């Protein structure tokens, strides 16, 4: 039961939309990519960062993923075909336009990887 309450608290925090966070996103919108940061990224940024790098090891890195993959996953969460305590709630309220904008933003990020030596 404790993990459920923790998940509810995290989702409430993610959905609260702090003005400071909105101002920060507005200040960095379009920086370097020539693309505007979607306003719906405020919620995503809490866990996935604006750069698409998960804020802890249990959160996937989504920056640089294909827009088709990102769209599909968000649609699956929204429809209830894929479930996660946080993502199912967050994706539920995304419009098709929100999903397209988020997928385009996170796909536009250039991810680099380094093989182990």
N, C-alpha and C. Protein backbone atom coordinates (compact mmCIF):
# COMPACT_ATOMS: atom_id res chain seq x y z
N UNK A 1 0.81 -1.19 0.00
CA UNK A 1 0.00 0.00 0.00
C UNK A 1 0.86 1.26 0.00
N UNK A 2 2.02 1.19 0.64
CA UNK A 2 2.90 2.36 0.68
C UNK A 2 3.37 2.76 -0.70
N UNK A 3 3.72 1.80 -1.56
CA UNK A 3 4.18 2.13 -2.91
C UNK A 3 3.06 2.79 -3.71
N UNK A 4 1.82 2.38 -3.47
CA UNK A 4 0.69 3.01 -4.15
C UNK A 4 0.59 4.48 -3.77
N UNK A 5 0.70 4.77 -2.48
CA UNK A 5 0.62 6.16 -2.01
C UNK A 5 1.79 6.99 -2.54
N UNK A 6 2.95 6.38 -2.62
CA UNK A 6 4.11 7.07 -3.19
C UNK A 6 3.89 7.39 -4.66
N UNK A 7 3.31 6.45 -5.38
CA UNK A 7 3.03 6.66 -6.81
C UNK A 7 2.01 7.77 -6.99
N UNK A 8 0.98 7.77 -6.14
CA UNK A 8 -0.04 8.83 -6.23
C UNK A 8 0.59 10.19 -5.94
N UNK A 9 1.46 10.26 -4.94
CA UNK A 9 2.12 11.52 -4.62
C UNK A 9 3.01 11.99 -5.77
N UNK A 10 3.73 11.06 -6.39
CA UNK A 10 4.60 11.42 -7.52
C UNK A 10 3.77 11.93 -8.69
N UNK A 11 2.68 11.25 -8.99
CA UNK A 11 1.83 11.69 -10.10
C UNK A 11 1.24 13.06 -9.81
N UNK A 12 0.80 13.29 -8.58
CA UNK A 12 0.26 14.61 -8.22
C UNK A 12 1.32 15.68 -8.41
N UNK A 13 2.54 15.39 -8.01
CA UNK A 13 3.64 16.34 -8.22
C UNK A 13 3.87 16.60 -9.69
N UNK A 14 3.88 15.53 -10.49
CA UNK A 14 4.10 15.67 -11.93
C UNK A 14 3.00 16.47 -12.61
N UNK A 15 1.78 16.32 -12.17
CA UNK A 15 0.66 16.98 -12.82
C UNK A 15 0.42 18.39 -12.30
N UNK A 16 1.10 18.79 -11.23
CA UNK A 16 0.82 20.09 -10.62
C UNK A 16 1.24 21.26 -11.50
N UNK A 17 2.25 21.10 -12.35
CA UNK A 17 2.65 22.16 -13.27
C UNK A 17 3.08 23.44 -12.58
N UNK A 18 4.23 23.45 -12.01
CA UNK A 18 4.76 24.61 -11.32
C UNK A 18 5.07 25.75 -12.29
N UNK A 19 4.71 26.99 -11.95
CA UNK A 19 5.02 28.12 -12.84
C UNK A 19 6.52 28.26 -13.08
N UNK A 20 7.33 27.97 -12.08
CA UNK A 20 8.77 28.06 -12.27
C UNK A 20 9.23 27.09 -13.35
N UNK A 21 8.68 25.89 -13.34
CA UNK A 21 9.02 24.91 -14.36
C UNK A 21 8.58 25.40 -15.73
N UNK A 22 7.39 25.96 -15.82
CA UNK A 22 6.90 26.49 -17.09
C UNK A 22 7.79 27.62 -17.59
N UNK A 23 8.23 28.48 -16.69
CA UNK A 23 9.12 29.58 -17.09
C UNK A 23 10.46 29.03 -17.57
N UNK A 24 10.96 28.01 -16.89
CA UNK A 24 12.22 27.42 -17.28
C UNK A 24 12.12 26.81 -18.67
N UNK A 25 11.05 26.08 -18.94
CA UNK A 25 10.88 25.48 -20.26
C UNK A 25 10.76 26.58 -21.30
N UNK A 26 10.00 27.61 -21.00
CA UNK A 26 9.85 28.71 -21.94
C UNK A 26 11.18 29.37 -22.24
N UNK A 27 12.04 29.47 -21.25
CA UNK A 27 13.33 30.12 -21.43
C UNK A 27 14.26 29.30 -22.31
N UNK A 28 14.07 27.97 -22.33
CA UNK A 28 14.97 27.14 -23.11
C UNK A 28 14.34 26.67 -24.41
N UNK A 29 13.11 27.07 -24.67
CA UNK A 29 12.44 26.54 -25.86
C UNK A 29 13.19 26.89 -27.13
N UNK A 30 13.33 25.87 -27.95
CA UNK A 30 13.97 26.04 -29.24
C UNK A 30 15.48 26.12 -29.19
N UNK A 31 16.05 26.10 -28.03
CA UNK A 31 17.50 26.27 -27.88
C UNK A 31 18.26 25.19 -28.63
N UNK A 32 18.99 25.58 -29.65
CA UNK A 32 19.86 24.64 -30.34
C UNK A 32 19.17 23.78 -31.38
N UNK A 33 17.90 23.48 -31.23
CA UNK A 33 17.25 22.55 -32.15
C UNK A 33 16.42 23.24 -33.21
N UNK A 34 16.11 24.51 -33.01
CA UNK A 34 15.23 25.20 -33.93
C UNK A 34 13.79 24.76 -33.76
N UNK A 35 13.51 24.01 -32.71
CA UNK A 35 12.17 23.48 -32.46
C UNK A 35 11.68 24.00 -31.12
N UNK A 36 10.41 24.30 -31.06
CA UNK A 36 9.79 24.79 -29.82
C UNK A 36 9.53 23.62 -28.87
N UNK A 37 9.83 23.80 -27.59
CA UNK A 37 9.55 22.77 -26.60
C UNK A 37 8.04 22.72 -26.38
N UNK A 38 7.42 21.55 -26.52
CA UNK A 38 5.97 21.46 -26.30
C UNK A 38 5.62 21.78 -24.86
N UNK A 39 4.51 22.48 -24.64
CA UNK A 39 4.11 22.82 -23.28
C UNK A 39 3.83 21.56 -22.46
N UNK A 40 3.41 20.48 -23.11
CA UNK A 40 3.14 19.24 -22.39
C UNK A 40 4.42 18.59 -21.86
N UNK A 41 5.58 19.07 -22.29
CA UNK A 41 6.84 18.53 -21.79
C UNK A 41 7.09 18.90 -20.34
N UNK A 42 6.32 19.83 -19.81
CA UNK A 42 6.46 20.19 -18.39
C UNK A 42 6.31 18.95 -17.52
N UNK A 43 5.31 18.15 -17.82
CA UNK A 43 5.06 16.94 -17.04
C UNK A 43 6.15 15.90 -17.28
N UNK A 44 6.52 15.70 -18.54
CA UNK A 44 7.53 14.68 -18.89
C UNK A 44 8.88 15.01 -18.26
N UNK A 45 9.17 16.30 -18.22
CA UNK A 45 10.48 16.76 -17.75
C UNK A 45 10.78 16.33 -16.32
N UNK A 46 9.77 16.18 -15.51
CA UNK A 46 9.98 15.82 -14.11
C UNK A 46 10.74 14.49 -14.01
N UNK A 47 10.36 13.53 -14.83
CA UNK A 47 11.00 12.21 -14.75
C UNK A 47 12.00 11.95 -15.87
N UNK A 48 11.72 12.44 -17.09
CA UNK A 48 12.57 12.14 -18.24
C UNK A 48 13.53 13.27 -18.58
N UNK A 49 13.45 14.39 -17.89
CA UNK A 49 14.29 15.53 -18.19
C UNK A 49 13.92 16.14 -19.53
N UNK A 50 14.26 17.38 -19.73
CA UNK A 50 14.01 18.04 -21.00
C UNK A 50 14.86 17.43 -22.09
N UNK A 51 16.00 16.83 -21.70
CA UNK A 51 16.91 16.21 -22.66
C UNK A 51 16.59 14.73 -22.90
N UNK A 52 15.56 14.22 -22.24
CA UNK A 52 15.16 12.83 -22.44
C UNK A 52 15.93 11.81 -21.64
N UNK A 53 16.76 12.26 -20.72
CA UNK A 53 17.54 11.35 -19.88
C UNK A 53 16.80 11.17 -18.56
N UNK A 54 16.45 9.91 -18.24
CA UNK A 54 15.73 9.62 -17.01
C UNK A 54 16.43 10.17 -15.79
N UNK A 55 15.64 10.66 -14.84
CA UNK A 55 16.20 11.28 -13.65
C UNK A 55 16.62 10.28 -12.58
N UNK A 56 16.33 8.99 -12.79
CA UNK A 56 16.87 7.94 -11.93
C UNK A 56 16.96 6.66 -12.76
N UNK A 57 17.68 5.65 -12.29
CA UNK A 57 17.93 4.46 -13.10
C UNK A 57 16.67 3.68 -13.51
N UNK A 58 15.56 3.87 -12.83
CA UNK A 58 14.33 3.14 -13.14
C UNK A 58 13.50 3.84 -14.22
N UNK A 59 13.91 5.02 -14.65
CA UNK A 59 13.17 5.78 -15.66
C UNK A 59 13.94 5.71 -16.98
N UNK A 60 13.27 5.27 -18.04
CA UNK A 60 13.99 5.12 -19.31
C UNK A 60 14.43 6.43 -19.94
N UNK A 61 15.53 6.37 -20.66
CA UNK A 61 15.98 7.51 -21.46
C UNK A 61 15.19 7.49 -22.76
N UNK A 62 14.52 8.60 -23.08
CA UNK A 62 13.69 8.64 -24.27
C UNK A 62 14.22 9.60 -25.33
N UNK A 63 15.22 10.39 -24.99
CA UNK A 63 15.81 11.32 -25.95
C UNK A 63 16.47 10.55 -27.08
N UNK A 64 16.17 10.94 -28.33
CA UNK A 64 16.78 10.30 -29.48
C UNK A 64 16.04 9.06 -29.98
N UNK A 65 14.99 8.64 -29.27
CA UNK A 65 14.19 7.52 -29.76
C UNK A 65 13.41 7.99 -30.99
N UNK A 66 12.96 7.07 -31.81
CA UNK A 66 12.22 7.45 -33.02
C UNK A 66 10.85 8.02 -32.65
N UNK A 67 10.34 8.97 -33.45
CA UNK A 67 9.03 9.54 -33.14
C UNK A 67 7.92 8.49 -33.22
N UNK A 68 8.08 7.51 -34.10
CA UNK A 68 7.08 6.44 -34.21
C UNK A 68 7.02 5.63 -32.91
N UNK A 69 8.19 5.29 -32.39
CA UNK A 69 8.25 4.51 -31.15
C UNK A 69 7.63 5.30 -30.00
N UNK A 70 8.03 6.56 -29.86
CA UNK A 70 7.53 7.38 -28.76
C UNK A 70 6.02 7.57 -28.86
N UNK A 71 5.52 7.86 -30.06
CA UNK A 71 4.08 8.02 -30.26
C UNK A 71 3.34 6.74 -29.89
N UNK A 72 3.85 5.63 -30.37
CA UNK A 72 3.20 4.34 -30.12
C UNK A 72 3.13 4.05 -28.62
N UNK A 73 4.21 4.30 -27.90
CA UNK A 73 4.21 4.01 -26.46
C UNK A 73 3.21 4.91 -25.72
N UNK A 74 3.18 6.19 -26.06
CA UNK A 74 2.23 7.10 -25.41
C UNK A 74 0.79 6.72 -25.73
N UNK A 75 0.54 6.31 -26.97
CA UNK A 75 -0.81 5.87 -27.35
C UNK A 75 -1.19 4.59 -26.59
N UNK A 76 -0.24 3.70 -26.43
CA UNK A 76 -0.51 2.45 -25.69
C UNK A 76 -0.83 2.75 -24.22
N UNK A 77 -0.08 3.65 -23.59
CA UNK A 77 -0.37 4.04 -22.21
C UNK A 77 -1.75 4.70 -22.13
N UNK A 78 -2.03 5.60 -23.06
CA UNK A 78 -3.31 6.32 -23.05
C UNK A 78 -4.49 5.36 -23.20
N UNK A 79 -4.35 4.36 -24.06
CA UNK A 79 -5.43 3.41 -24.32
C UNK A 79 -5.55 2.33 -23.24
N UNK A 80 -4.55 2.24 -22.36
CA UNK A 80 -4.58 1.21 -21.32
C UNK A 80 -4.04 -0.13 -21.76
N UNK A 81 -3.46 -0.20 -22.95
CA UNK A 81 -2.86 -1.45 -23.43
C UNK A 81 -1.47 -1.67 -22.84
N UNK A 82 -0.88 -0.62 -22.36
CA UNK A 82 0.39 -0.69 -21.63
C UNK A 82 0.15 0.03 -20.31
N UNK A 83 0.65 -0.52 -19.22
CA UNK A 83 0.35 0.07 -17.92
C UNK A 83 1.61 0.38 -17.12
N UNK A 84 1.55 1.49 -16.44
CA UNK A 84 2.58 1.93 -15.52
C UNK A 84 1.88 2.88 -14.55
N UNK A 85 2.18 2.81 -13.25
CA UNK A 85 1.46 3.66 -12.29
C UNK A 85 1.48 5.14 -12.62
N UNK A 86 2.59 5.66 -13.13
CA UNK A 86 2.66 7.08 -13.45
C UNK A 86 2.24 7.36 -14.89
N UNK A 87 2.81 6.63 -15.83
CA UNK A 87 2.59 6.92 -17.24
C UNK A 87 1.13 6.72 -17.66
N UNK A 88 0.47 5.74 -17.11
CA UNK A 88 -0.93 5.50 -17.47
C UNK A 88 -1.79 6.70 -17.13
N UNK A 89 -1.53 7.32 -15.99
CA UNK A 89 -2.29 8.50 -15.57
C UNK A 89 -1.91 9.71 -16.40
N UNK A 90 -0.63 9.90 -16.62
CA UNK A 90 -0.16 11.08 -17.35
C UNK A 90 -0.62 11.03 -18.82
N UNK A 91 -0.48 9.88 -19.47
CA UNK A 91 -0.82 9.76 -20.89
C UNK A 91 -2.32 9.84 -21.13
N UNK A 92 -3.10 9.52 -20.14
CA UNK A 92 -4.56 9.51 -20.28
C UNK A 92 -5.10 10.83 -20.82
N UNK A 93 -4.51 11.95 -20.43
CA UNK A 93 -5.01 13.27 -20.80
C UNK A 93 -4.31 13.89 -22.00
N UNK A 94 -3.40 13.16 -22.64
CA UNK A 94 -2.70 13.71 -23.80
C UNK A 94 -3.57 13.62 -25.05
N UNK A 95 -3.61 14.69 -25.81
CA UNK A 95 -4.31 14.67 -27.10
C UNK A 95 -3.37 14.08 -28.15
N UNK A 96 -3.92 13.79 -29.32
CA UNK A 96 -3.07 13.31 -30.42
C UNK A 96 -2.01 14.34 -30.78
N UNK A 97 -2.38 15.62 -30.70
CA UNK A 97 -1.43 16.70 -31.00
C UNK A 97 -0.32 16.75 -29.94
N UNK A 98 -0.69 16.56 -28.67
CA UNK A 98 0.32 16.52 -27.60
C UNK A 98 1.31 15.39 -27.85
N UNK A 99 0.79 14.23 -28.18
CA UNK A 99 1.63 13.05 -28.41
C UNK A 99 2.58 13.31 -29.58
N UNK A 100 2.04 13.86 -30.67
CA UNK A 100 2.89 14.15 -31.84
C UNK A 100 3.98 15.16 -31.50
N UNK A 101 3.62 16.20 -30.74
CA UNK A 101 4.61 17.23 -30.39
C UNK A 101 5.68 16.67 -29.46
N UNK A 102 5.28 15.88 -28.48
CA UNK A 102 6.25 15.28 -27.55
C UNK A 102 7.17 14.31 -28.28
N UNK A 103 6.59 13.48 -29.14
CA UNK A 103 7.40 12.51 -29.89
C UNK A 103 8.41 13.24 -30.78
N UNK A 104 7.96 14.31 -31.43
CA UNK A 104 8.87 15.08 -32.30
C UNK A 104 9.98 15.72 -31.48
N UNK A 105 9.63 16.28 -30.32
CA UNK A 105 10.65 16.94 -29.48
C UNK A 105 11.70 15.95 -29.02
N UNK A 106 11.26 14.87 -28.36
CA UNK A 106 12.22 13.93 -27.80
C UNK A 106 13.00 13.19 -28.90
N UNK A 107 12.38 12.98 -30.07
CA UNK A 107 13.09 12.34 -31.19
C UNK A 107 14.14 13.27 -31.79
N UNK A 108 13.94 14.58 -31.66
CA UNK A 108 14.89 15.54 -32.24
C UNK A 108 16.19 15.64 -31.44
N UNK A 109 16.21 15.06 -30.26
CA UNK A 109 17.41 15.10 -29.42
C UNK A 109 18.44 14.13 -29.99
N UNK A 110 19.66 14.56 -30.07
CA UNK A 110 20.75 13.71 -30.57
C UNK A 110 21.40 12.98 -29.39
N UNK A 111 21.12 11.70 -29.30
CA UNK A 111 21.70 10.88 -28.23
C UNK A 111 23.02 10.30 -28.72
N UNK A 112 24.01 10.28 -27.87
CA UNK A 112 25.29 9.67 -28.23
C UNK A 112 25.59 8.54 -27.23
N UNK A 113 26.26 7.54 -27.73
CA UNK A 113 26.58 6.39 -26.91
C UNK A 113 28.05 6.06 -27.07
N UNK A 114 28.61 5.53 -26.03
CA UNK A 114 30.02 5.17 -26.06
C UNK A 114 30.14 3.70 -25.66
N UNK A 115 30.81 2.93 -26.50
CA UNK A 115 31.02 1.52 -26.19
C UNK A 115 32.04 1.40 -25.07
N UNK A 116 31.90 0.36 -24.25
CA UNK A 116 32.89 0.17 -23.19
C UNK A 116 34.25 -0.16 -23.79
N UNK A 117 35.30 0.21 -23.08
CA UNK A 117 36.67 -0.02 -23.58
C UNK A 117 37.26 -1.25 -22.98
